[in-house]
Protein backbone atom coordinates (compact mmCIF):
# COMPACT_ATOMS: atom_id res chain seq x y z
CA MET A 1 26.14 -8.80 17.90
CA ALA A 2 23.93 -7.42 20.66
CA TRP A 3 20.93 -5.28 19.79
CA SER A 4 22.15 -2.34 22.15
CA ALA A 5 20.98 1.10 22.91
CA SER A 6 23.73 2.44 20.68
CA SER A 7 22.47 0.32 17.67
CA ARG A 8 19.05 1.51 18.24
CA ALA A 9 20.27 5.11 18.17
CA GLU A 10 21.83 4.39 14.83
CA ARG A 11 18.55 3.02 13.45
CA ARG A 12 17.58 4.60 10.22
CA ASP A 13 14.74 7.18 10.14
CA HIS A 14 12.42 5.07 8.01
CA TYR A 15 9.70 7.85 7.93
CA ALA A 16 12.10 10.42 6.59
CA GLU A 17 13.73 7.92 4.05
CA VAL A 18 10.38 6.97 2.54
CA SER A 19 9.09 10.44 2.51
CA SER A 20 12.26 11.83 0.81
CA LYS A 21 12.06 9.18 -1.84
CA ILE A 22 8.33 10.21 -2.61
CA VAL A 23 9.12 13.95 -2.45
CA ALA A 24 12.00 13.49 -4.90
CA ALA A 25 9.72 11.71 -7.42
CA LEU A 26 7.13 14.45 -6.99
CA GLU A 27 9.72 17.10 -7.49
CA ALA A 28 10.52 15.49 -10.72
CA GLY A 29 6.99 15.59 -11.88
CA ALA A 30 6.59 11.79 -11.73
CA PRO A 31 4.31 10.58 -9.01
CA PRO A 32 5.51 7.13 -8.25
CA TRP A 33 2.02 5.51 -8.16
CA ARG A 34 1.39 6.65 -11.82
CA ARG A 35 2.51 3.80 -14.19
CA ASP A 36 1.57 3.02 -17.79
CA TRP A 37 1.65 -0.62 -18.72
CA ASP A 38 0.78 -2.91 -21.66
CA ARG A 39 -2.68 -4.15 -21.23
CA SER A 40 -2.00 -7.61 -22.64
CA VAL A 41 1.13 -7.95 -20.29
CA ALA A 42 -0.98 -6.81 -17.22
CA ALA A 43 -3.80 -9.18 -18.00
CA SER A 44 -1.39 -12.13 -18.52
CA MET A 45 -0.06 -11.48 -15.11
CA SER A 46 -3.48 -12.04 -13.55
CA GLY A 47 -3.49 -9.27 -11.08
CA PHE A 48 -0.09 -10.27 -9.44
CA ALA A 49 1.69 -7.42 -11.25
CA LEU A 50 1.32 -5.70 -7.85
CA PRO A 51 4.37 -6.17 -5.69
CA CYS A 52 3.65 -9.47 -3.81
CA ASN A 53 5.22 -11.91 -1.43
CA GLY A 54 7.01 -14.45 -3.54
CA VAL A 55 5.86 -17.35 -1.38
CA THR A 56 2.26 -16.56 -0.62
CA GLN A 57 1.66 -14.48 -3.82
CA ARG A 58 -0.30 -12.06 -1.69
CA PRO A 59 0.24 -8.36 -2.88
CA TYR A 60 1.74 -5.80 -0.44
CA ARG A 61 -0.64 -3.23 0.92
CA GLY A 62 -0.51 0.32 1.96
CA ILE A 63 2.92 2.01 2.17
CA ASN A 64 4.62 -1.19 1.09
CA ARG A 65 2.68 -1.40 -2.15
CA LEU A 66 3.82 2.22 -2.91
CA VAL A 67 7.44 1.78 -1.94
CA LEU A 68 8.07 -1.61 -3.66
CA GLY A 69 6.11 -0.49 -6.67
CA MET A 70 8.86 2.12 -7.14
CA ASP A 71 11.57 -0.63 -7.34
CA SER A 72 13.00 -0.48 -10.90
CA ARG A 73 13.48 -4.17 -11.04
CA VAL A 74 9.56 -4.67 -10.70
CA LEU A 75 9.10 -2.16 -13.66
CA GLU A 76 11.84 -3.50 -15.74
CA THR A 77 11.29 -7.24 -15.46
CA GLY A 78 7.67 -7.42 -14.70
CA ASP A 79 8.48 -9.87 -11.87
CA PRO A 80 6.65 -8.59 -8.73
CA ARG A 81 8.01 -11.04 -6.20
CA PHE A 82 9.85 -10.35 -3.01
CA LEU A 83 11.00 -12.77 -0.35
CA SER A 84 12.48 -12.46 3.11
CA PHE A 85 15.76 -13.89 3.86
CA ASP A 86 14.22 -16.70 5.78
CA GLN A 87 11.62 -17.43 3.08
CA ALA A 88 14.37 -17.80 0.54
CA LYS A 89 16.40 -20.05 2.84
CA ASP A 90 13.44 -22.22 3.60
CA LYS A 91 12.86 -22.68 -0.15
CA GLY A 92 16.39 -23.72 -0.69
CA TYR A 93 17.27 -20.37 -2.50
CA ARG A 94 20.24 -18.22 -1.84
CA ILE A 95 20.49 -14.43 -1.92
CA ARG A 96 23.36 -13.44 -4.24
CA LYS A 97 26.46 -12.12 -2.56
CA GLY A 98 26.62 -8.35 -2.18
CA GLU A 99 22.82 -7.75 -2.80
CA LYS A 100 21.22 -5.05 -0.90
CA SER A 101 17.80 -5.48 0.65
CA SER A 102 14.69 -3.43 0.14
CA LEU A 103 12.53 -2.79 3.26
CA VAL A 104 9.01 -3.26 4.02
CA TYR A 105 7.41 -1.56 6.94
CA PHE A 106 5.06 -2.58 9.75
CA TYR A 107 4.01 -1.41 13.10
CA LYS A 108 4.51 -3.16 16.37
CA THR A 109 3.21 -2.15 19.77
CA LEU A 110 5.18 -1.48 22.89
CA GLU A 111 3.31 -2.09 26.01
CA PHE A 112 4.25 -0.17 29.19
CA GLU A 113 3.00 -0.60 32.69
CA SER A 114 2.70 2.55 34.71
CA VAL A 115 1.03 3.52 38.06
CA ALA A 116 -2.49 4.87 37.53
CA ASP A 117 -2.96 8.59 38.34
CA ASP A 118 -4.95 7.88 41.36
CA GLY A 119 -2.17 5.59 42.54
CA LYS A 120 -4.67 2.62 42.91
CA GLY A 121 -3.39 0.46 40.20
CA ASP A 122 -1.50 -0.01 37.05
CA ASP A 123 -2.17 1.35 33.62
CA LYS A 124 -1.13 -0.27 30.50
CA LYS A 125 0.00 2.03 27.83
CA ARG A 126 0.39 0.84 24.19
CA VAL A 127 2.55 2.85 21.80
CA PRO A 128 2.87 1.85 18.12
CA PHE A 129 6.37 2.16 16.54
CA LEU A 130 7.47 1.54 12.98
CA ARG A 131 9.76 -1.41 12.16
CA ALA A 132 11.27 -2.48 9.00
CA TYR A 133 11.99 -5.90 7.61
CA PRO A 134 14.37 -6.75 4.74
CA VAL A 135 13.18 -8.38 1.51
CA PHE A 136 14.91 -9.15 -1.73
CA HIS A 137 13.65 -9.10 -5.32
CA ALA A 138 13.32 -12.27 -7.31
CA THR A 139 16.28 -11.09 -9.52
CA GLN A 140 18.61 -11.03 -6.47
CA ILE A 141 17.89 -14.59 -5.56
CA GLU A 142 19.70 -17.78 -6.90
CA GLY A 143 17.57 -20.96 -7.32
CA ILE A 144 14.29 -19.26 -7.73
CA GLY A 145 12.51 -20.03 -10.96
CA PRO A 146 11.65 -17.49 -13.67
CA TRP A 147 8.37 -15.49 -12.99
CA ALA A 148 5.69 -17.48 -14.62
CA ALA A 149 2.40 -15.56 -14.95
CA ALA A 150 -0.37 -17.09 -13.06
CA LYS A 151 -3.25 -18.47 -15.17
CA PRO A 152 -6.29 -16.42 -14.81
CA ARG A 153 -8.37 -17.35 -11.70
CA GLU A 154 -12.06 -17.12 -11.15
CA ALA A 155 -11.87 -13.49 -10.32
CA PRO A 156 -14.86 -11.55 -11.61
CA TRP A 157 -13.49 -8.32 -10.19
CA ARG A 158 -10.80 -8.50 -13.04
CA THR A 159 -13.22 -8.17 -15.84
CA PRO A 160 -14.11 -5.14 -18.09
CA GLU A 161 -17.45 -5.00 -16.45
CA ALA A 162 -16.02 -4.90 -12.98
CA VAL A 163 -15.95 -1.12 -12.61
CA GLN A 164 -19.51 -0.79 -13.74
CA VAL A 165 -20.56 -3.48 -11.28
CA ILE A 166 -18.81 -1.50 -8.46
CA ALA A 167 -20.44 1.77 -9.52
CA ASP A 168 -23.79 0.21 -9.69
CA ARG A 169 -23.66 -1.27 -6.26
CA SER A 170 -22.27 1.86 -4.64
CA GLY A 171 -25.79 3.31 -4.64
CA LEU A 172 -24.44 6.63 -5.78
CA ALA A 173 -26.09 8.76 -8.41
CA ILE A 174 -23.68 9.19 -11.34
CA GLU A 175 -24.39 11.93 -13.92
CA HIS A 176 -22.84 12.59 -17.17
CA HIS A 177 -22.75 16.19 -18.29
CA GLY A 178 -20.38 19.24 -18.41
CA ASP A 179 -16.51 19.04 -18.87
CA LYS A 180 -15.43 18.30 -15.30
CA ALA A 181 -15.24 15.18 -13.15
CA PHE A 182 -16.08 15.66 -9.45
CA TYR A 183 -17.77 14.23 -6.35
CA ALA A 184 -20.50 16.46 -4.97
CA PRO A 185 -20.60 15.84 -1.27
CA LEU A 186 -23.72 17.61 -0.22
CA ARG A 187 -25.78 15.88 -2.80
CA ASP A 188 -23.72 12.73 -2.49
CA LYS A 189 -23.36 12.17 -6.25
CA ILE A 190 -20.70 11.99 -8.86
CA VAL A 191 -20.59 14.08 -11.98
CA LEU A 192 -18.51 12.98 -15.05
CA PRO A 193 -18.11 14.30 -18.52
CA PRO A 194 -20.02 12.24 -21.19
CA MET A 195 -18.53 8.84 -21.82
CA ALA A 196 -17.97 9.59 -25.47
CA SER A 197 -15.48 12.36 -24.44
CA PHE A 198 -13.08 9.92 -22.98
CA ARG A 199 -10.28 8.82 -25.19
CA ALA A 200 -10.55 5.18 -24.11
CA ALA A 201 -12.89 3.10 -21.84
CA GLU A 202 -9.98 2.75 -19.37
CA GLY A 203 -9.73 6.45 -18.91
CA TYR A 204 -13.33 6.72 -17.97
CA SER A 205 -13.07 3.70 -15.59
CA ALA A 206 -9.97 5.18 -13.82
CA VAL A 207 -11.69 8.58 -13.37
CA LEU A 208 -14.79 6.91 -12.11
CA ILE A 209 -12.85 4.79 -9.60
CA HIS A 210 -11.13 8.02 -8.42
CA GLU A 211 -14.32 9.83 -7.69
CA LEU A 212 -15.77 6.84 -5.94
CA GLY A 213 -12.80 7.10 -3.69
CA HIS A 214 -13.64 10.60 -2.95
CA SER A 215 -17.31 9.52 -2.04
CA THR A 216 -16.05 7.45 0.81
CA ALA A 217 -15.43 10.59 2.67
CA HIS A 218 -19.05 10.94 3.27
CA PRO A 219 -20.03 10.62 6.94
CA SER A 220 -22.06 7.46 6.10
CA ARG A 221 -18.93 5.75 4.73
CA LEU A 222 -15.34 6.42 5.90
CA ASN A 223 -16.05 9.92 7.23
CA ARG A 224 -13.42 12.40 6.08
CA TRP A 225 -15.93 15.15 6.01
CA GLU A 226 -13.61 17.79 7.20
CA ALA A 227 -11.35 17.25 4.15
CA LEU A 228 -14.40 17.85 1.89
CA LYS A 229 -15.69 20.92 3.84
CA ASN A 230 -12.21 22.57 3.26
CA ARG A 231 -12.51 22.45 -0.56
CA PHE A 232 -10.28 23.35 -3.42
CA GLY A 233 -7.27 25.36 -2.75
CA SER A 234 -6.76 24.22 0.78
CA GLN A 235 -3.83 22.11 1.86
CA MET A 236 -6.30 19.70 3.75
CA TYR A 237 -8.15 19.20 0.38
CA ALA A 238 -4.85 18.67 -1.43
CA MET A 239 -4.08 15.70 0.89
CA GLU A 240 -7.59 14.37 0.28
CA GLU A 241 -6.81 14.40 -3.43
CA LEU A 242 -3.54 12.55 -2.73
CA ARG A 243 -5.53 9.87 -0.79
CA ALA A 244 -7.87 9.51 -3.79
CA GLU A 245 -5.07 9.36 -6.10
CA LEU A 246 -3.23 6.58 -4.26
CA ALA A 247 -6.66 4.70 -3.70
CA SER A 248 -7.42 4.85 -7.33
CA ALA A 249 -4.01 3.50 -8.29
CA TYR A 250 -4.41 0.68 -5.67
CA ALA A 251 -7.91 -0.27 -6.85
CA CYS A 252 -7.19 0.04 -10.49
CA GLY A 253 -4.05 -2.12 -10.00
CA THR A 254 -6.26 -4.76 -8.31
CA ILE A 255 -8.76 -4.88 -11.19
CA GLY A 256 -6.27 -4.28 -13.94
CA VAL A 257 -7.30 -0.82 -15.11
CA ASN A 258 -4.57 1.69 -16.25
CA SER A 259 -4.89 4.55 -13.77
CA SER A 260 -2.39 6.97 -15.43
CA LEU A 261 -4.51 10.05 -15.00
CA GLY A 262 -2.95 13.50 -15.75
CA ASN A 263 -4.63 16.11 -13.54
CA HIS A 264 -2.20 16.14 -10.46
CA ALA A 265 0.01 19.11 -11.46
CA SER A 266 -2.08 21.76 -9.40
CA TYR A 267 -1.66 19.66 -6.25
CA LEU A 268 2.14 18.85 -6.55
CA ALA A 269 3.25 21.83 -4.51
CA SER A 270 0.92 21.29 -1.65
CA TRP A 271 1.92 17.60 -1.58
CA ILE A 272 5.47 18.32 -1.45
CA GLU A 273 5.18 21.01 1.22
CA VAL A 274 3.15 18.69 3.51
CA LEU A 275 5.45 15.71 3.07
CA LYS A 276 8.49 17.70 3.71
CA SER A 277 7.16 19.15 6.85
CA ASP A 278 5.80 15.88 8.14
CA PRO A 279 7.50 12.73 6.92
CA LYS A 280 4.86 10.47 8.80
CA GLU A 281 2.16 11.86 6.57
CA ILE A 282 2.90 9.64 3.57
CA PHE A 283 2.36 6.67 5.84
CA ARG A 284 -1.02 8.03 7.15
CA VAL A 285 -2.08 8.89 3.54
CA ALA A 286 -1.08 5.42 2.24
CA ALA A 287 -2.93 3.57 4.99
CA ASP A 288 -5.95 5.78 4.29
CA ALA A 289 -5.77 5.05 0.55
CA GLN A 290 -5.70 1.30 1.20
CA ARG A 291 -8.80 1.72 3.38
CA ILE A 292 -10.51 3.63 0.59
CA SER A 293 -9.46 1.15 -2.00
CA ASP A 294 -10.69 -1.72 -0.04
CA TYR A 295 -14.08 -0.04 0.71
CA VAL A 296 -14.60 0.75 -3.00
CA LEU A 297 -13.63 -2.72 -4.21
CA GLU A 298 -15.90 -4.42 -1.76
CA TRP A 299 -18.70 -2.88 -3.60
CA HIS A 300 -18.09 -5.75 -5.96
CA PRO A 301 -19.96 -8.76 -4.37
CA GLU A 302 -17.32 -11.38 -5.50
CA TYR A 303 -14.43 -9.24 -4.26
CA ALA A 304 -16.22 -8.73 -0.99
CA ARG A 305 -16.71 -12.42 -0.50
CA ALA A 306 -13.06 -13.24 -1.37
CA ALA A 307 -11.84 -10.38 0.98
CA ALA A 308 -14.02 -11.79 3.91
CA ALA A 309 -12.67 -15.25 3.33
CA GLU A 310 -8.99 -13.85 3.44
CA ARG A 311 -9.70 -11.94 6.66
CA GLN A 312 -11.07 -15.07 8.31
CA ALA A 313 -8.02 -17.04 7.18
CA ASP A 314 -5.73 -14.28 8.54
CA THR A 315 -7.65 -14.38 11.87
CA GLU A 316 -7.21 -18.17 12.13
CA ARG A 317 -3.54 -18.11 11.34
CA GLN A 318 -3.09 -15.41 13.92
CA ALA A 319 -4.94 -17.48 16.51
CA ALA A 320 -2.74 -20.51 15.68
CA ARG A 321 0.49 -18.64 16.12
CA GLU A 322 -0.59 -17.02 19.29
CA SER A 323 -1.68 -20.47 20.62
CA ALA A 324 1.68 -22.03 19.63
CA ASN A 325 3.89 -19.14 20.89
CA GLY A 326 1.97 -17.66 23.74
CA ARG A 327 1.56 -13.97 24.17
CA GLU A 328 4.67 -11.96 23.52
CA ARG A 329 6.18 -10.84 26.82
CA ASP A 330 8.54 -8.28 25.39
CA GLN A 331 7.49 -6.48 22.28
CA ALA A 332 10.91 -4.93 21.94
CA GLU A 333 12.80 -8.28 21.91
CA ILE A 334 16.12 -8.54 20.02
CA PRO A 335 15.41 -8.93 16.24
CA PRO A 336 17.10 -11.56 14.13
CA ALA A 337 20.62 -10.42 13.06
CA HIS A 338 19.58 -10.06 9.38
CA VAL A 339 16.72 -7.78 10.39
CA ALA A 340 19.00 -5.57 12.45
CA ALA A 341 21.67 -5.70 9.68
CA ALA A 342 19.30 -4.64 6.97
CA ALA A 343 18.03 -1.80 9.09
CA ARG A 344 21.62 -0.50 9.05
CA GLY A 345 22.00 -1.07 5.28
CA MET A 346 24.20 -4.19 5.35
CA SER A 347 24.16 -6.59 2.56
CA ALA A 348 22.58 -10.07 2.40
CA ALA A 349 26.13 -11.61 2.74
CA GLU A 350 26.99 -9.59 5.78
CA ALA A 351 23.66 -10.40 7.30
CA GLU A 352 24.14 -14.08 6.68
CA MET A 353 27.63 -13.90 8.36
CA GLU A 354 25.83 -12.52 11.48
CA ARG A 355 23.43 -15.40 11.79
């Protein structure tokens, strides 16, 4: 089946679909990034309770972590693994007949050549566009073994002391007094209620991570200063709160801290209004939240070293792929049949028939 102009026109609006799903959860009063979990179970899963690639075991990031984290199969089974059609096939597994795929999202870049304004040469314009790729949860796959929790690895950022290490190395002043938790941007400090006022140590850690996320808005860090200048009550600040909420959930999920805070109600209406008016905003917010989470986590020296090693490995893998395949000549090439099928909501069996 050709990937024609008409099939492109039928392509689903991924921005609208994802945004609608998030809005529905918010309207139900259940932000999808808020999850309670059993501490012993979370610990036994050694950090991979986060939705992850079933082959590489690497957790998904950004919008994909949020979307796949809403999958009921992850919550009900505790199995966080997703595989692509080809990954399952390469492993000798088989997607069960009639199973529907979930989608993960990524950006590709279309490159256009156009005559420069002065007519003397060609300009190259690069336009990012959203693509989706189908993945299947482990429970949809025949032949895959049961989820076996990984044995705890040498990961010092998954210890009870990790949050304190991060806070100490942030360089921020952290004061304990009063009955409110907040980041004071002009003084570049965090104020928290006394530690004894928290019901549990995890609650204190989650709030501290949340405020550390806000602190990355400082111009000396990730510079979201405009959001901080437009303080409480503004729509811009409400979205800054959403970034910090998601970043806290991402960071706490990585280090194994329960991040189920309960102070989001006052922002729900603003979040819903923005996401309804601009379906792309949740993608931008999720990307910002991932950057915030990465920044905060890299205050832990061991995590920073591991992240740097992973980035280097990614760079080397990318260089190897480019060397083997050459530079892409057409960024809008025909996708594999199962990709196009999943984008139209077809099942695994239907996709396989097209191959």
